[in-house]
């Protein structure tokens, strides 16, 4: 059979069957598949994941033997609590359809859950890892709490149990603190924007000293607003120190890691932010007692130092008087020594007189010698006393002459320039201001002319 015969045979058979275009065929296949698989659950590993600029997600799902293309449009993926990644095992729900322009079939994904850990837990770990890498959890960036806050801000629900607990604790511990409640939704889809906006609003209140952000306990879904990135960044950007107080002690949120201080409960946050009034009063009393003891000790030490200085400080006149007394004492001792010497000589003479013969001539000679010796000793004593007195007078005269007051009393003056003693005109120049000290009083003078000798 020739090729022409075959073509004629095909044309004849097509008259008995409907002739489809490629588009028609793909459309019918699409309808058939969508009717056969209206909604499916598929488990697989994400590969070739791509987040398009339009907001849609494009990826493939695969297992050990095969794969299928998948797309998740923006309207669906914006509800995800986590960020899909290649290599992640997931379970998706969607519709199987055909992309007619290429004739390829794919899954239109409507929901996605990570296999194993829940979506919320995965989202928590992903955001925690991201913010930690940015340094938002670093201790160095955390601000210290003020020791004695006057105005405390609270971002929470104004009708919740958390604000009542906070107010009760603050009233019990320190009634003088002012509390400013900044209302915010703490649960639901709009809670994250509400909390972030309330924190940003608090930055405009210049009187705020510290800010408590939190709510009472609940499920992970109830507390989820405090795990949102917008709330974490609002806390990180706050210029006011923030205490996070979300849920119970076992509940941890992203806000706890970013905040300057985490409190396990709202009541605990109130206890952390203000000191107990009685504790403060006791501490103040203790510090007052310590201060008083330190002042008493310092005063006593200063008194002792002053007394020691007074004892060591000697008036020049007192030194002269002491010198005179010392001189008189030495003179008296010298006279007594001479008298004792004379007495000894007399005794010796008497002994010699008794031992030796007593011719008149020998006696006369001895008497002359004794008399001469006594005269010499007397002259020597008087000479020494005169010399000592002369030295003392010279010393007193020199001391008196060196006294600045003595010089000033004779009509001289002491001239100083800025506390510097002027000894020569070379230390001065025209226009200098000097102070002239006289025997009585002093006056300021202006140098008009320098006269060289």
Protein backbone atom coordinates (compact mmCIF):
# COMPACT_ATOMS: atom_id res chain seq x y z
CA UNK A 1 0.00 0.00 0.00
CA UNK A 2 1.41 3.40 -0.92
CA UNK A 3 1.67 6.39 1.37
CA UNK A 4 -1.14 8.13 -0.46
CA UNK A 5 -3.40 5.15 0.19
CA UNK A 6 -2.55 5.29 3.92
CA UNK A 7 -3.36 9.03 4.17
CA UNK A 8 -6.68 8.48 2.40
CA UNK A 9 -7.46 5.65 4.83
CA UNK A 10 -6.77 7.89 7.84
CA UNK A 11 -8.95 10.67 6.47
CA UNK A 12 -11.77 8.23 5.92
CA UNK A 13 -11.50 6.95 9.51
CA UNK A 14 -11.40 10.49 10.99
CA UNK A 15 -14.80 11.16 9.55
CA UNK A 16 -16.15 8.53 11.96
CA UNK A 17 -14.31 10.02 15.08
CA UNK A 18 -13.98 13.61 16.50
CA UNK A 19 -10.76 15.35 15.52
CA UNK A 20 -9.15 17.13 18.55
CA UNK A 21 -6.70 20.00 18.66
CA UNK A 22 -3.80 19.90 21.13
CA UNK A 23 -5.55 22.51 23.28
CA UNK A 24 -8.76 20.51 23.23
CA UNK A 25 -6.91 17.37 24.23
CA UNK A 26 -5.13 19.10 27.12
CA UNK A 27 -8.39 20.66 28.24
CA UNK A 28 -10.16 17.30 28.29
CA UNK A 29 -7.24 15.67 30.09
CA UNK A 30 -7.34 18.49 32.67
CA UNK A 31 -11.07 18.01 33.23
CA UNK A 32 -10.62 14.28 33.51
CA UNK A 33 -7.79 14.56 36.04
CA UNK A 34 -9.50 17.26 38.14
CA UNK A 35 -12.67 15.16 38.29
CA UNK A 36 -10.71 12.06 39.21
CA UNK A 37 -8.51 13.82 41.83
CA UNK A 38 -10.57 16.73 43.24
CA UNK A 39 -8.53 16.88 46.49
CA UNK A 40 -5.45 14.87 47.42
CA UNK A 41 -2.97 14.63 50.31
CA UNK A 42 0.61 14.04 49.17
CA UNK A 43 3.77 13.45 51.18
CA UNK A 44 7.16 14.22 49.68
CA UNK A 45 10.41 16.13 49.78
CA UNK A 46 10.57 19.71 48.47
CA UNK A 47 13.12 20.28 45.72
CA UNK A 48 13.94 23.19 43.39
CA UNK A 49 12.02 25.56 45.68
CA UNK A 50 11.64 29.10 44.34
CA UNK A 51 9.75 32.04 45.83
CA UNK A 52 8.77 34.18 42.84
CA UNK A 53 8.70 37.98 42.99
CA UNK A 54 4.94 37.73 42.50
CA UNK A 55 4.70 35.99 45.85
CA UNK A 56 3.89 32.52 44.43
CA UNK A 57 5.92 29.41 45.40
CA UNK A 58 7.14 27.02 42.69
CA UNK A 59 8.72 23.68 43.58
CA UNK A 60 8.67 19.93 43.04
CA UNK A 61 7.62 17.12 45.36
CA UNK A 62 9.65 13.94 45.07
CA UNK A 63 10.27 10.61 46.67
CA UNK A 64 12.83 7.91 45.91
CA UNK A 65 11.24 6.95 42.54
CA UNK A 66 9.46 9.95 41.03
CA UNK A 67 8.49 13.60 41.34
CA UNK A 68 5.66 15.98 40.49
CA UNK A 69 5.60 19.74 39.93
CA UNK A 70 3.74 21.89 42.44
CA UNK A 71 2.71 25.51 42.83
CA UNK A 72 1.33 27.36 45.85
CA UNK A 73 -0.15 30.72 45.03
CA UNK A 74 0.32 33.80 47.21
CA UNK A 75 -3.24 33.70 48.49
CA UNK A 76 -2.54 30.34 50.13
CA UNK A 77 1.14 30.57 51.15
CA UNK A 78 0.68 33.79 53.09
CA UNK A 79 -1.09 31.77 55.77
CA UNK A 80 1.93 29.51 56.35
CA UNK A 81 3.61 29.83 59.75
CA UNK A 82 6.97 28.61 58.41
CA UNK A 83 9.16 29.17 55.35
CA UNK A 84 9.40 26.14 53.00
CA UNK A 85 12.89 25.10 51.93
CA UNK A 86 14.40 22.57 49.55
CA UNK A 87 15.04 19.25 51.28
CA UNK A 88 12.15 19.69 53.73
CA UNK A 89 9.73 16.76 54.14
CA UNK A 90 6.16 18.05 53.97
CA UNK A 91 2.56 16.92 53.66
CA UNK A 92 0.49 19.00 51.23
CA UNK A 93 -3.18 19.16 50.38
CA UNK A 94 -4.25 20.32 46.96
CA UNK A 95 -5.81 19.67 43.58
CA UNK A 96 -4.16 17.87 40.68
CA UNK A 97 -4.49 19.85 37.45
CA UNK A 98 -2.93 20.22 34.02
CA UNK A 99 -1.05 23.29 32.88
CA UNK A 100 -2.53 23.40 29.37
CA UNK A 101 0.14 25.54 27.60
CA UNK A 102 2.76 22.86 28.26
CA UNK A 103 0.58 19.84 28.71
CA UNK A 104 2.16 19.08 32.10
CA UNK A 105 0.27 18.15 35.20
CA UNK A 106 0.95 19.57 38.68
CA UNK A 107 -0.50 19.99 42.13
CA UNK A 108 -2.10 23.28 43.14
CA UNK A 109 -1.16 23.27 46.85
CA UNK A 110 -3.61 24.86 49.27
CA UNK A 111 -2.12 23.83 52.64
CA UNK A 112 1.27 22.56 53.74
CA UNK A 113 2.51 21.07 56.99
CA UNK A 114 6.04 19.95 57.82
CA UNK A 115 6.37 16.25 58.47
CA UNK A 116 7.24 15.47 62.08
CA UNK A 117 7.44 18.80 63.98
CA UNK A 118 4.41 21.03 63.75
CA UNK A 119 4.31 24.11 61.54
CA UNK A 120 4.29 26.48 64.50
CA UNK A 121 7.29 24.82 66.11
CA UNK A 122 9.20 24.90 62.83
CA UNK A 123 8.33 28.56 62.29
CA UNK A 124 9.50 29.29 65.83
CA UNK A 125 12.87 27.61 65.25
CA UNK A 126 13.36 29.28 61.86
CA UNK A 127 12.70 32.78 63.18
CA UNK A 128 14.78 32.15 66.30
CA UNK A 129 17.73 31.04 64.18
CA UNK A 130 17.36 34.05 61.87
CA UNK A 131 17.17 36.68 64.64
CA UNK A 132 19.97 35.05 66.62
CA UNK A 133 22.22 35.25 63.55
CA UNK A 134 21.44 38.98 63.34
CA UNK A 135 22.58 39.44 66.94
CA UNK A 136 19.18 40.41 68.37
CA UNK A 137 19.66 38.02 71.31
CA UNK A 138 23.17 39.23 72.26
CA UNK A 139 23.51 40.19 75.96
CA UNK A 140 25.61 43.22 75.00
CA UNK A 141 22.67 44.93 73.32
CA UNK A 142 20.28 44.49 76.24
CA UNK A 143 19.49 47.66 78.17
CA UNK A 144 19.60 47.72 81.99
CA UNK A 145 16.40 48.38 83.90
CA UNK A 146 16.17 51.70 85.80
CA UNK A 147 16.60 51.09 89.55
CA UNK A 148 13.71 53.37 90.57
CA UNK A 149 11.20 53.83 87.70
CA UNK A 150 8.54 56.49 88.16
CA UNK A 151 6.34 55.71 85.13
CA UNK A 152 5.79 52.12 83.94
CA UNK A 153 4.15 51.32 80.60
CA UNK A 154 2.24 48.07 80.03
CA UNK A 155 1.42 46.78 76.52
CA UNK A 156 -1.36 44.21 76.96
CA UNK A 157 -5.10 43.76 76.83
CA UNK A 158 -6.75 46.34 79.11
CA UNK A 159 -9.38 43.77 80.14
CA UNK A 160 -7.17 40.71 80.64
CA UNK A 161 -5.99 39.04 83.82
CA UNK A 162 -2.40 40.11 83.15
CA UNK A 163 -3.01 43.82 83.73
CA UNK A 164 -4.95 43.11 86.94
CA UNK A 165 -2.09 40.99 88.27
CA UNK A 166 0.46 43.66 87.38
CA UNK A 167 -1.53 46.47 89.02
CA UNK A 168 -2.10 44.44 92.19
CA UNK A 169 1.59 43.65 92.59
CA UNK A 170 2.69 47.23 91.90
CA UNK A 171 0.17 48.62 94.39
CA UNK A 172 1.33 46.19 97.07
CA UNK A 173 5.05 46.78 96.54
CA UNK A 174 5.17 50.51 95.76
CA UNK A 175 2.02 52.60 95.60
CA UNK A 176 3.79 55.71 94.30
CA UNK A 177 4.52 54.31 90.82
CA UNK A 178 2.47 55.61 87.88
CA UNK A 179 1.22 52.93 85.45
CA UNK A 180 0.30 53.75 81.85
CA UNK A 181 -1.62 51.01 79.99
CA UNK A 182 -1.13 50.99 76.20
CA UNK A 183 -3.98 48.76 74.92
CA UNK A 184 -3.20 46.04 72.39
CA UNK A 185 -4.75 42.87 71.02
CA UNK A 186 -2.80 39.90 72.37
CA UNK A 187 -4.53 37.08 70.44
CA UNK A 188 -5.77 36.58 66.90
CA UNK A 189 -4.66 37.51 63.39
CA UNK A 190 -4.41 41.24 64.09
CA UNK A 191 -2.56 40.85 67.40
CA UNK A 192 0.97 41.05 65.98
CA UNK A 193 0.36 44.42 64.28
CA UNK A 194 -1.47 45.69 67.36
CA UNK A 195 1.38 44.77 69.74
CA UNK A 196 4.06 46.19 67.43
CA UNK A 197 2.11 49.44 67.01
CA UNK A 198 1.65 49.76 70.79
CA UNK A 199 5.40 49.34 71.36
CA UNK A 200 6.14 51.98 68.70
CA UNK A 201 3.58 54.30 70.29
CA UNK A 202 5.29 53.89 73.67
CA UNK A 203 8.51 55.30 72.19
CA UNK A 204 6.77 58.67 71.79
CA UNK A 205 5.92 58.87 75.51
CA UNK A 206 9.04 60.55 76.90
CA UNK A 207 8.11 60.00 80.55
CA UNK A 208 8.15 56.20 80.33
CA UNK A 209 11.02 54.58 82.24
CA UNK A 210 10.33 50.92 81.46
CA UNK A 211 7.84 48.87 79.42
CA UNK A 212 6.18 45.53 80.23
CA UNK A 213 4.93 43.60 77.17
CA UNK A 214 2.91 40.46 77.74
CA UNK A 215 -0.28 38.57 78.48
CA UNK A 216 -1.55 35.67 80.56
CA UNK A 217 -1.18 31.98 79.78
CA UNK A 218 -2.69 30.02 76.90
CA UNK A 219 -1.97 27.55 74.12
CA UNK A 220 0.86 28.03 71.64
CA UNK A 221 -1.70 29.38 69.18
CA UNK A 222 -2.96 31.87 71.79
CA UNK A 223 0.57 33.12 72.47
CA UNK A 224 1.70 33.05 68.84
CA UNK A 225 1.56 36.82 68.31
CA UNK A 226 4.63 37.11 70.55
CA UNK A 227 6.50 34.78 68.17
CA UNK A 228 5.95 37.02 65.16
CA UNK A 229 8.90 38.80 63.55
CA UNK A 230 7.18 42.20 63.51
CA UNK A 231 6.81 42.06 67.32
CA UNK A 232 10.39 40.88 67.82
CA UNK A 233 11.79 43.75 65.74
CA UNK A 234 9.60 46.31 67.51
CA UNK A 235 11.05 45.12 70.84
CA UNK A 236 14.61 45.16 69.46
CA UNK A 237 14.19 48.73 68.14
CA UNK A 238 12.76 50.06 71.41
CA UNK A 239 14.72 52.79 73.16
CA UNK A 240 12.86 51.99 76.39
CA UNK A 241 13.95 48.90 78.39
CA UNK A 242 11.40 46.12 77.86
CA UNK A 243 10.41 43.22 80.11
CA UNK A 244 8.61 40.36 78.34
CA UNK A 245 5.95 38.62 80.43
CA UNK A 246 4.14 36.09 78.25
CA UNK A 247 2.17 33.17 79.63
CA UNK A 248 3.51 30.96 82.39
CA UNK A 249 7.03 30.04 83.47
CA UNK A 250 7.23 27.12 81.01
CA UNK A 251 6.19 29.28 78.04
CA UNK A 252 9.01 30.71 75.94
CA UNK A 253 8.44 33.05 73.00
CA UNK A 254 10.67 34.91 70.56
CA UNK A 255 9.80 38.08 72.48
CA UNK A 256 11.49 36.60 75.56
CA UNK A 257 14.80 36.23 73.71
CA UNK A 258 14.74 39.74 72.22
CA UNK A 259 13.54 41.60 75.33
CA UNK A 260 15.98 43.17 77.76
CA UNK A 261 14.65 40.92 80.54
CA UNK A 262 12.27 37.95 80.61
CA UNK A 263 9.76 37.49 83.41
CA UNK A 264 8.05 34.09 83.76
CA UNK A 265 4.66 35.72 84.43
CA UNK A 266 3.12 39.21 84.36
CA UNK A 267 3.11 39.24 88.19
CA UNK A 268 6.81 38.40 88.22
CA UNK A 269 7.43 41.26 85.78
CA UNK A 270 5.84 43.68 88.22
CA UNK A 271 8.04 42.35 91.02
CA UNK A 272 11.16 42.72 88.87
CA UNK A 273 10.44 46.26 87.75
CA UNK A 274 9.98 47.84 91.20
CA UNK A 275 11.66 47.19 94.50
CA UNK A 276 9.62 46.48 97.61
CA UNK A 277 8.96 49.74 99.48
CA UNK A 278 9.87 48.26 102.88
CA UNK A 279 13.06 46.74 101.43
CA UNK A 280 14.01 50.14 100.06
CA UNK A 281 13.37 51.82 103.40
CA UNK A 282 15.48 49.20 105.20
CA UNK A 283 18.29 49.62 102.70
CA UNK A 284 18.18 53.42 103.01
CA UNK A 285 18.34 53.15 106.81
CA UNK A 286 21.28 50.76 106.55
CA UNK A 287 23.09 53.11 104.17
CA UNK A 288 22.40 56.05 106.49
CA UNK A 289 23.95 54.17 109.41
CA UNK A 290 27.00 53.26 107.34
CA UNK A 291 27.34 56.85 106.17
CA UNK A 292 27.10 58.15 109.74
CA UNK A 293 29.78 55.71 110.93
CA UNK A 294 32.04 56.63 108.05
CA UNK A 295 31.58 60.34 108.78
CA UNK A 296 32.35 59.83 112.48
CA UNK A 297 35.45 57.82 111.64
CA UNK A 298 36.62 60.42 109.11
CA UNK A 299 36.01 63.29 111.56
CA UNK A 300 37.93 61.52 114.32
CA UNK A 301 40.80 60.82 111.94
CA UNK A 302 40.91 64.48 110.88
CA UNK A 303 40.94 65.58 114.52
CA UNK A 304 43.90 63.31 115.23
CA UNK A 305 45.77 64.59 112.20
CA UNK A 306 45.11 68.19 113.23
CA UNK A 307 46.31 67.50 116.77
CA UNK A 308 49.50 65.89 115.45
CA UNK A 309 50.16 68.84 113.17
CA UNK A 310 49.59 71.30 115.99
CA UNK A 311 52.07 69.43 118.17
CA UNK A 312 54.67 69.41 115.41
CA UNK A 313 54.19 73.08 114.53
CA UNK A 314 56.58 75.22 116.67
CA UNK A 315 56.44 79.02 116.92
CA UNK A 316 59.89 80.69 116.23
CA UNK A 317 59.55 82.67 119.46
CA UNK A 318 59.02 79.42 121.32
CA UNK A 319 62.20 78.06 119.78
CA UNK A 320 64.12 81.18 120.96
CA UNK A 321 62.71 80.80 124.44
CA UNK A 322 63.72 77.14 124.45
CA UNK A 323 67.20 78.19 123.31
CA UNK A 324 67.47 80.73 126.11
CA UNK A 325 66.40 78.16 128.68
CA UNK A 326 68.90 75.71 127.28
CA UNK A 327 71.64 78.35 127.40
CA UNK A 328 70.81 79.24 131.02
CA UNK A 329 70.85 75.57 131.93
CA UNK A 330 74.27 75.09 130.32
CA UNK A 331 75.61 78.19 132.09
CA UNK A 332 74.39 76.92 135.44
CA UNK A 333 75.90 73.51 134.81
CA UNK A 334 79.19 75.13 133.80
CA UNK A 335 79.31 77.23 136.96
CA UNK A 336 78.51 74.19 139.06
CA UNK A 337 81.28 72.26 137.33
CA UNK A 338 83.80 75.03 138.02
CA UNK A 339 82.73 75.30 141.64
CA UNK A 340 83.08 71.55 142.04
CA UNK A 341 86.50 71.72 140.41
CA UNK A 342 87.59 74.47 142.80
CA UNK A 343 86.24 72.52 145.72
CA UNK A 344 88.14 69.46 144.57
CA UNK A 345 91.32 71.51 144.31
CA UNK A 346 90.80 72.83 147.79
CA UNK A 347 90.36 69.33 149.08
CA UNK A 348 93.45 68.18 147.25
CA UNK A 349 95.40 71.11 148.66
CA UNK A 350 94.22 70.29 152.11
CA UNK A 351 95.33 66.71 151.68
CA UNK A 352 98.70 67.79 150.40
CA UNK A 353 99.03 70.22 153.26
CA UNK A 354 98.39 67.44 155.66
CA UNK A 355 100.82 65.03 153.97
CA UNK A 356 103.69 67.44 153.33
CA UNK A 357 105.76 69.47 155.67
CA UNK A 358 104.35 72.91 156.25
CA UNK A 359 107.05 75.37 155.61
CA UNK A 360 105.64 78.81 155.19
CA UNK A 361 107.29 79.32 151.85
CA UNK A 362 105.86 76.15 150.39
CA UNK A 363 102.50 77.06 151.71
CA UNK A 364 102.69 80.52 150.30
CA UNK A 365 103.72 79.20 146.90
CA UNK A 366 100.92 76.69 146.93
CA UNK A 367 98.45 79.37 147.93
CA UNK A 368 99.64 81.54 145.07
CA UNK A 369 99.29 78.66 142.64
CA UNK A 370 95.84 77.89 143.88
CA UNK A 371 94.85 81.52 143.72
CA UNK A 372 96.25 81.79 140.21
CA UNK A 373 94.46 78.64 139.13
CA UNK A 374 91.20 79.88 140.60
CA UNK A 375 91.63 83.17 138.80
CA UNK A 376 92.27 81.39 135.49
CA UNK A 377 89.30 79.14 135.98
CA UNK A 378 87.07 82.06 136.83
CA UNK A 379 88.25 84.01 133.79
CA UNK A 380 87.76 80.95 131.58
CA UNK A 381 84.26 80.42 132.92
CA UNK A 382 83.29 84.05 132.45
CA UNK A 383 84.79 84.03 128.95
CA UNK A 384 82.82 80.93 127.96
CA UNK A 385 79.61 82.38 129.35
CA UNK A 386 80.19 85.63 127.45
CA UNK A 387 80.86 83.74 124.21
CA UNK A 388 77.69 81.66 124.60
CA UNK A 389 75.61 84.74 125.35
CA UNK A 390 77.12 86.56 122.36
CA UNK A 391 76.32 83.60 120.10
CA UNK A 392 72.79 83.59 121.41
CA UNK A 393 72.39 87.32 120.83
CA UNK A 394 73.79 86.95 117.30
CA UNK A 395 71.44 84.09 116.58
CA UNK A 396 68.45 86.06 117.87
CA UNK A 397 69.49 89.14 115.91
CA UNK A 398 69.94 87.09 112.74
CA UNK A 399 66.60 85.40 113.22
CA UNK A 400 64.95 88.75 113.85
CA UNK A 401 66.62 90.30 110.79
CA UNK A 402 65.52 87.45 108.55
CA UNK A 403 61.88 87.73 109.57
CA UNK A 404 59.83 89.21 106.70
CA UNK A 405 57.71 91.11 109.23
CA UNK A 406 60.82 92.79 110.66
CA UNK A 407 61.95 93.89 107.21
CA UNK A 408 58.50 95.21 106.37
CA UNK A 409 58.33 97.12 109.67
CA UNK A 410 61.46 99.03 108.64
CA UNK A 411 59.62 100.49 105.65
CA UNK A 412 60.27 97.81 103.09
CA UNK A 413 57.58 96.02 101.09
CA UNK A 414 57.06 92.53 99.68
CA UNK A 415 56.04 92.48 96.01
CA UNK A 416 54.32 89.48 94.42
CA UNK A 417 53.07 88.77 90.94
CA UNK A 418 50.48 85.99 90.79
CA UNK A 419 51.82 84.54 94.10
CA UNK A 420 55.42 84.69 92.78
CA UNK A 421 57.87 86.71 94.90
CA UNK A 422 59.54 89.47 92.83
CA UNK A 423 63.28 89.73 93.46
CA UNK A 424 64.38 91.56 90.30
CA UNK A 425 62.96 93.92 87.70
CA UNK A 426 63.77 91.25 85.15
CA UNK A 427 60.70 89.38 86.41
CA UNK A 428 58.45 92.30 85.45
CA UNK A 429 57.35 94.08 82.34
CA UNK A 430 55.36 97.19 81.72
CA UNK A 431 51.65 96.68 82.32
CA UNK A 432 52.06 93.85 84.85
CA UNK A 433 49.80 93.95 87.90
CA UNK A 434 51.48 93.22 91.22
CA UNK A 435 50.48 93.02 94.88
CA UNK A 436 52.48 95.08 97.39
CA UNK A 437 52.41 93.81 100.99
CA UNK A 438 53.27 96.36 103.75
CA UNK A 439 53.60 96.06 107.48
CA UNK A 440 49.90 96.79 107.71
CA UNK A 441 47.77 95.80 104.73
CA UNK A 442 48.50 95.43 101.03
CA UNK A 443 47.53 97.06 97.73
CA UNK A 444 47.51 96.31 94.02
CA UNK A 445 49.85 98.25 91.68
CA UNK A 446 50.35 98.50 87.93
CA UNK A 447 53.91 98.57 86.54
CA UNK A 448 54.25 101.73 84.44
CA UNK A 449 58.01 101.79 83.92
CA UNK A 450 60.98 99.47 84.49
CA UNK A 451 64.06 101.26 85.95
CA UNK A 452 67.29 99.34 85.58
CA UNK A 453 70.06 99.93 88.16
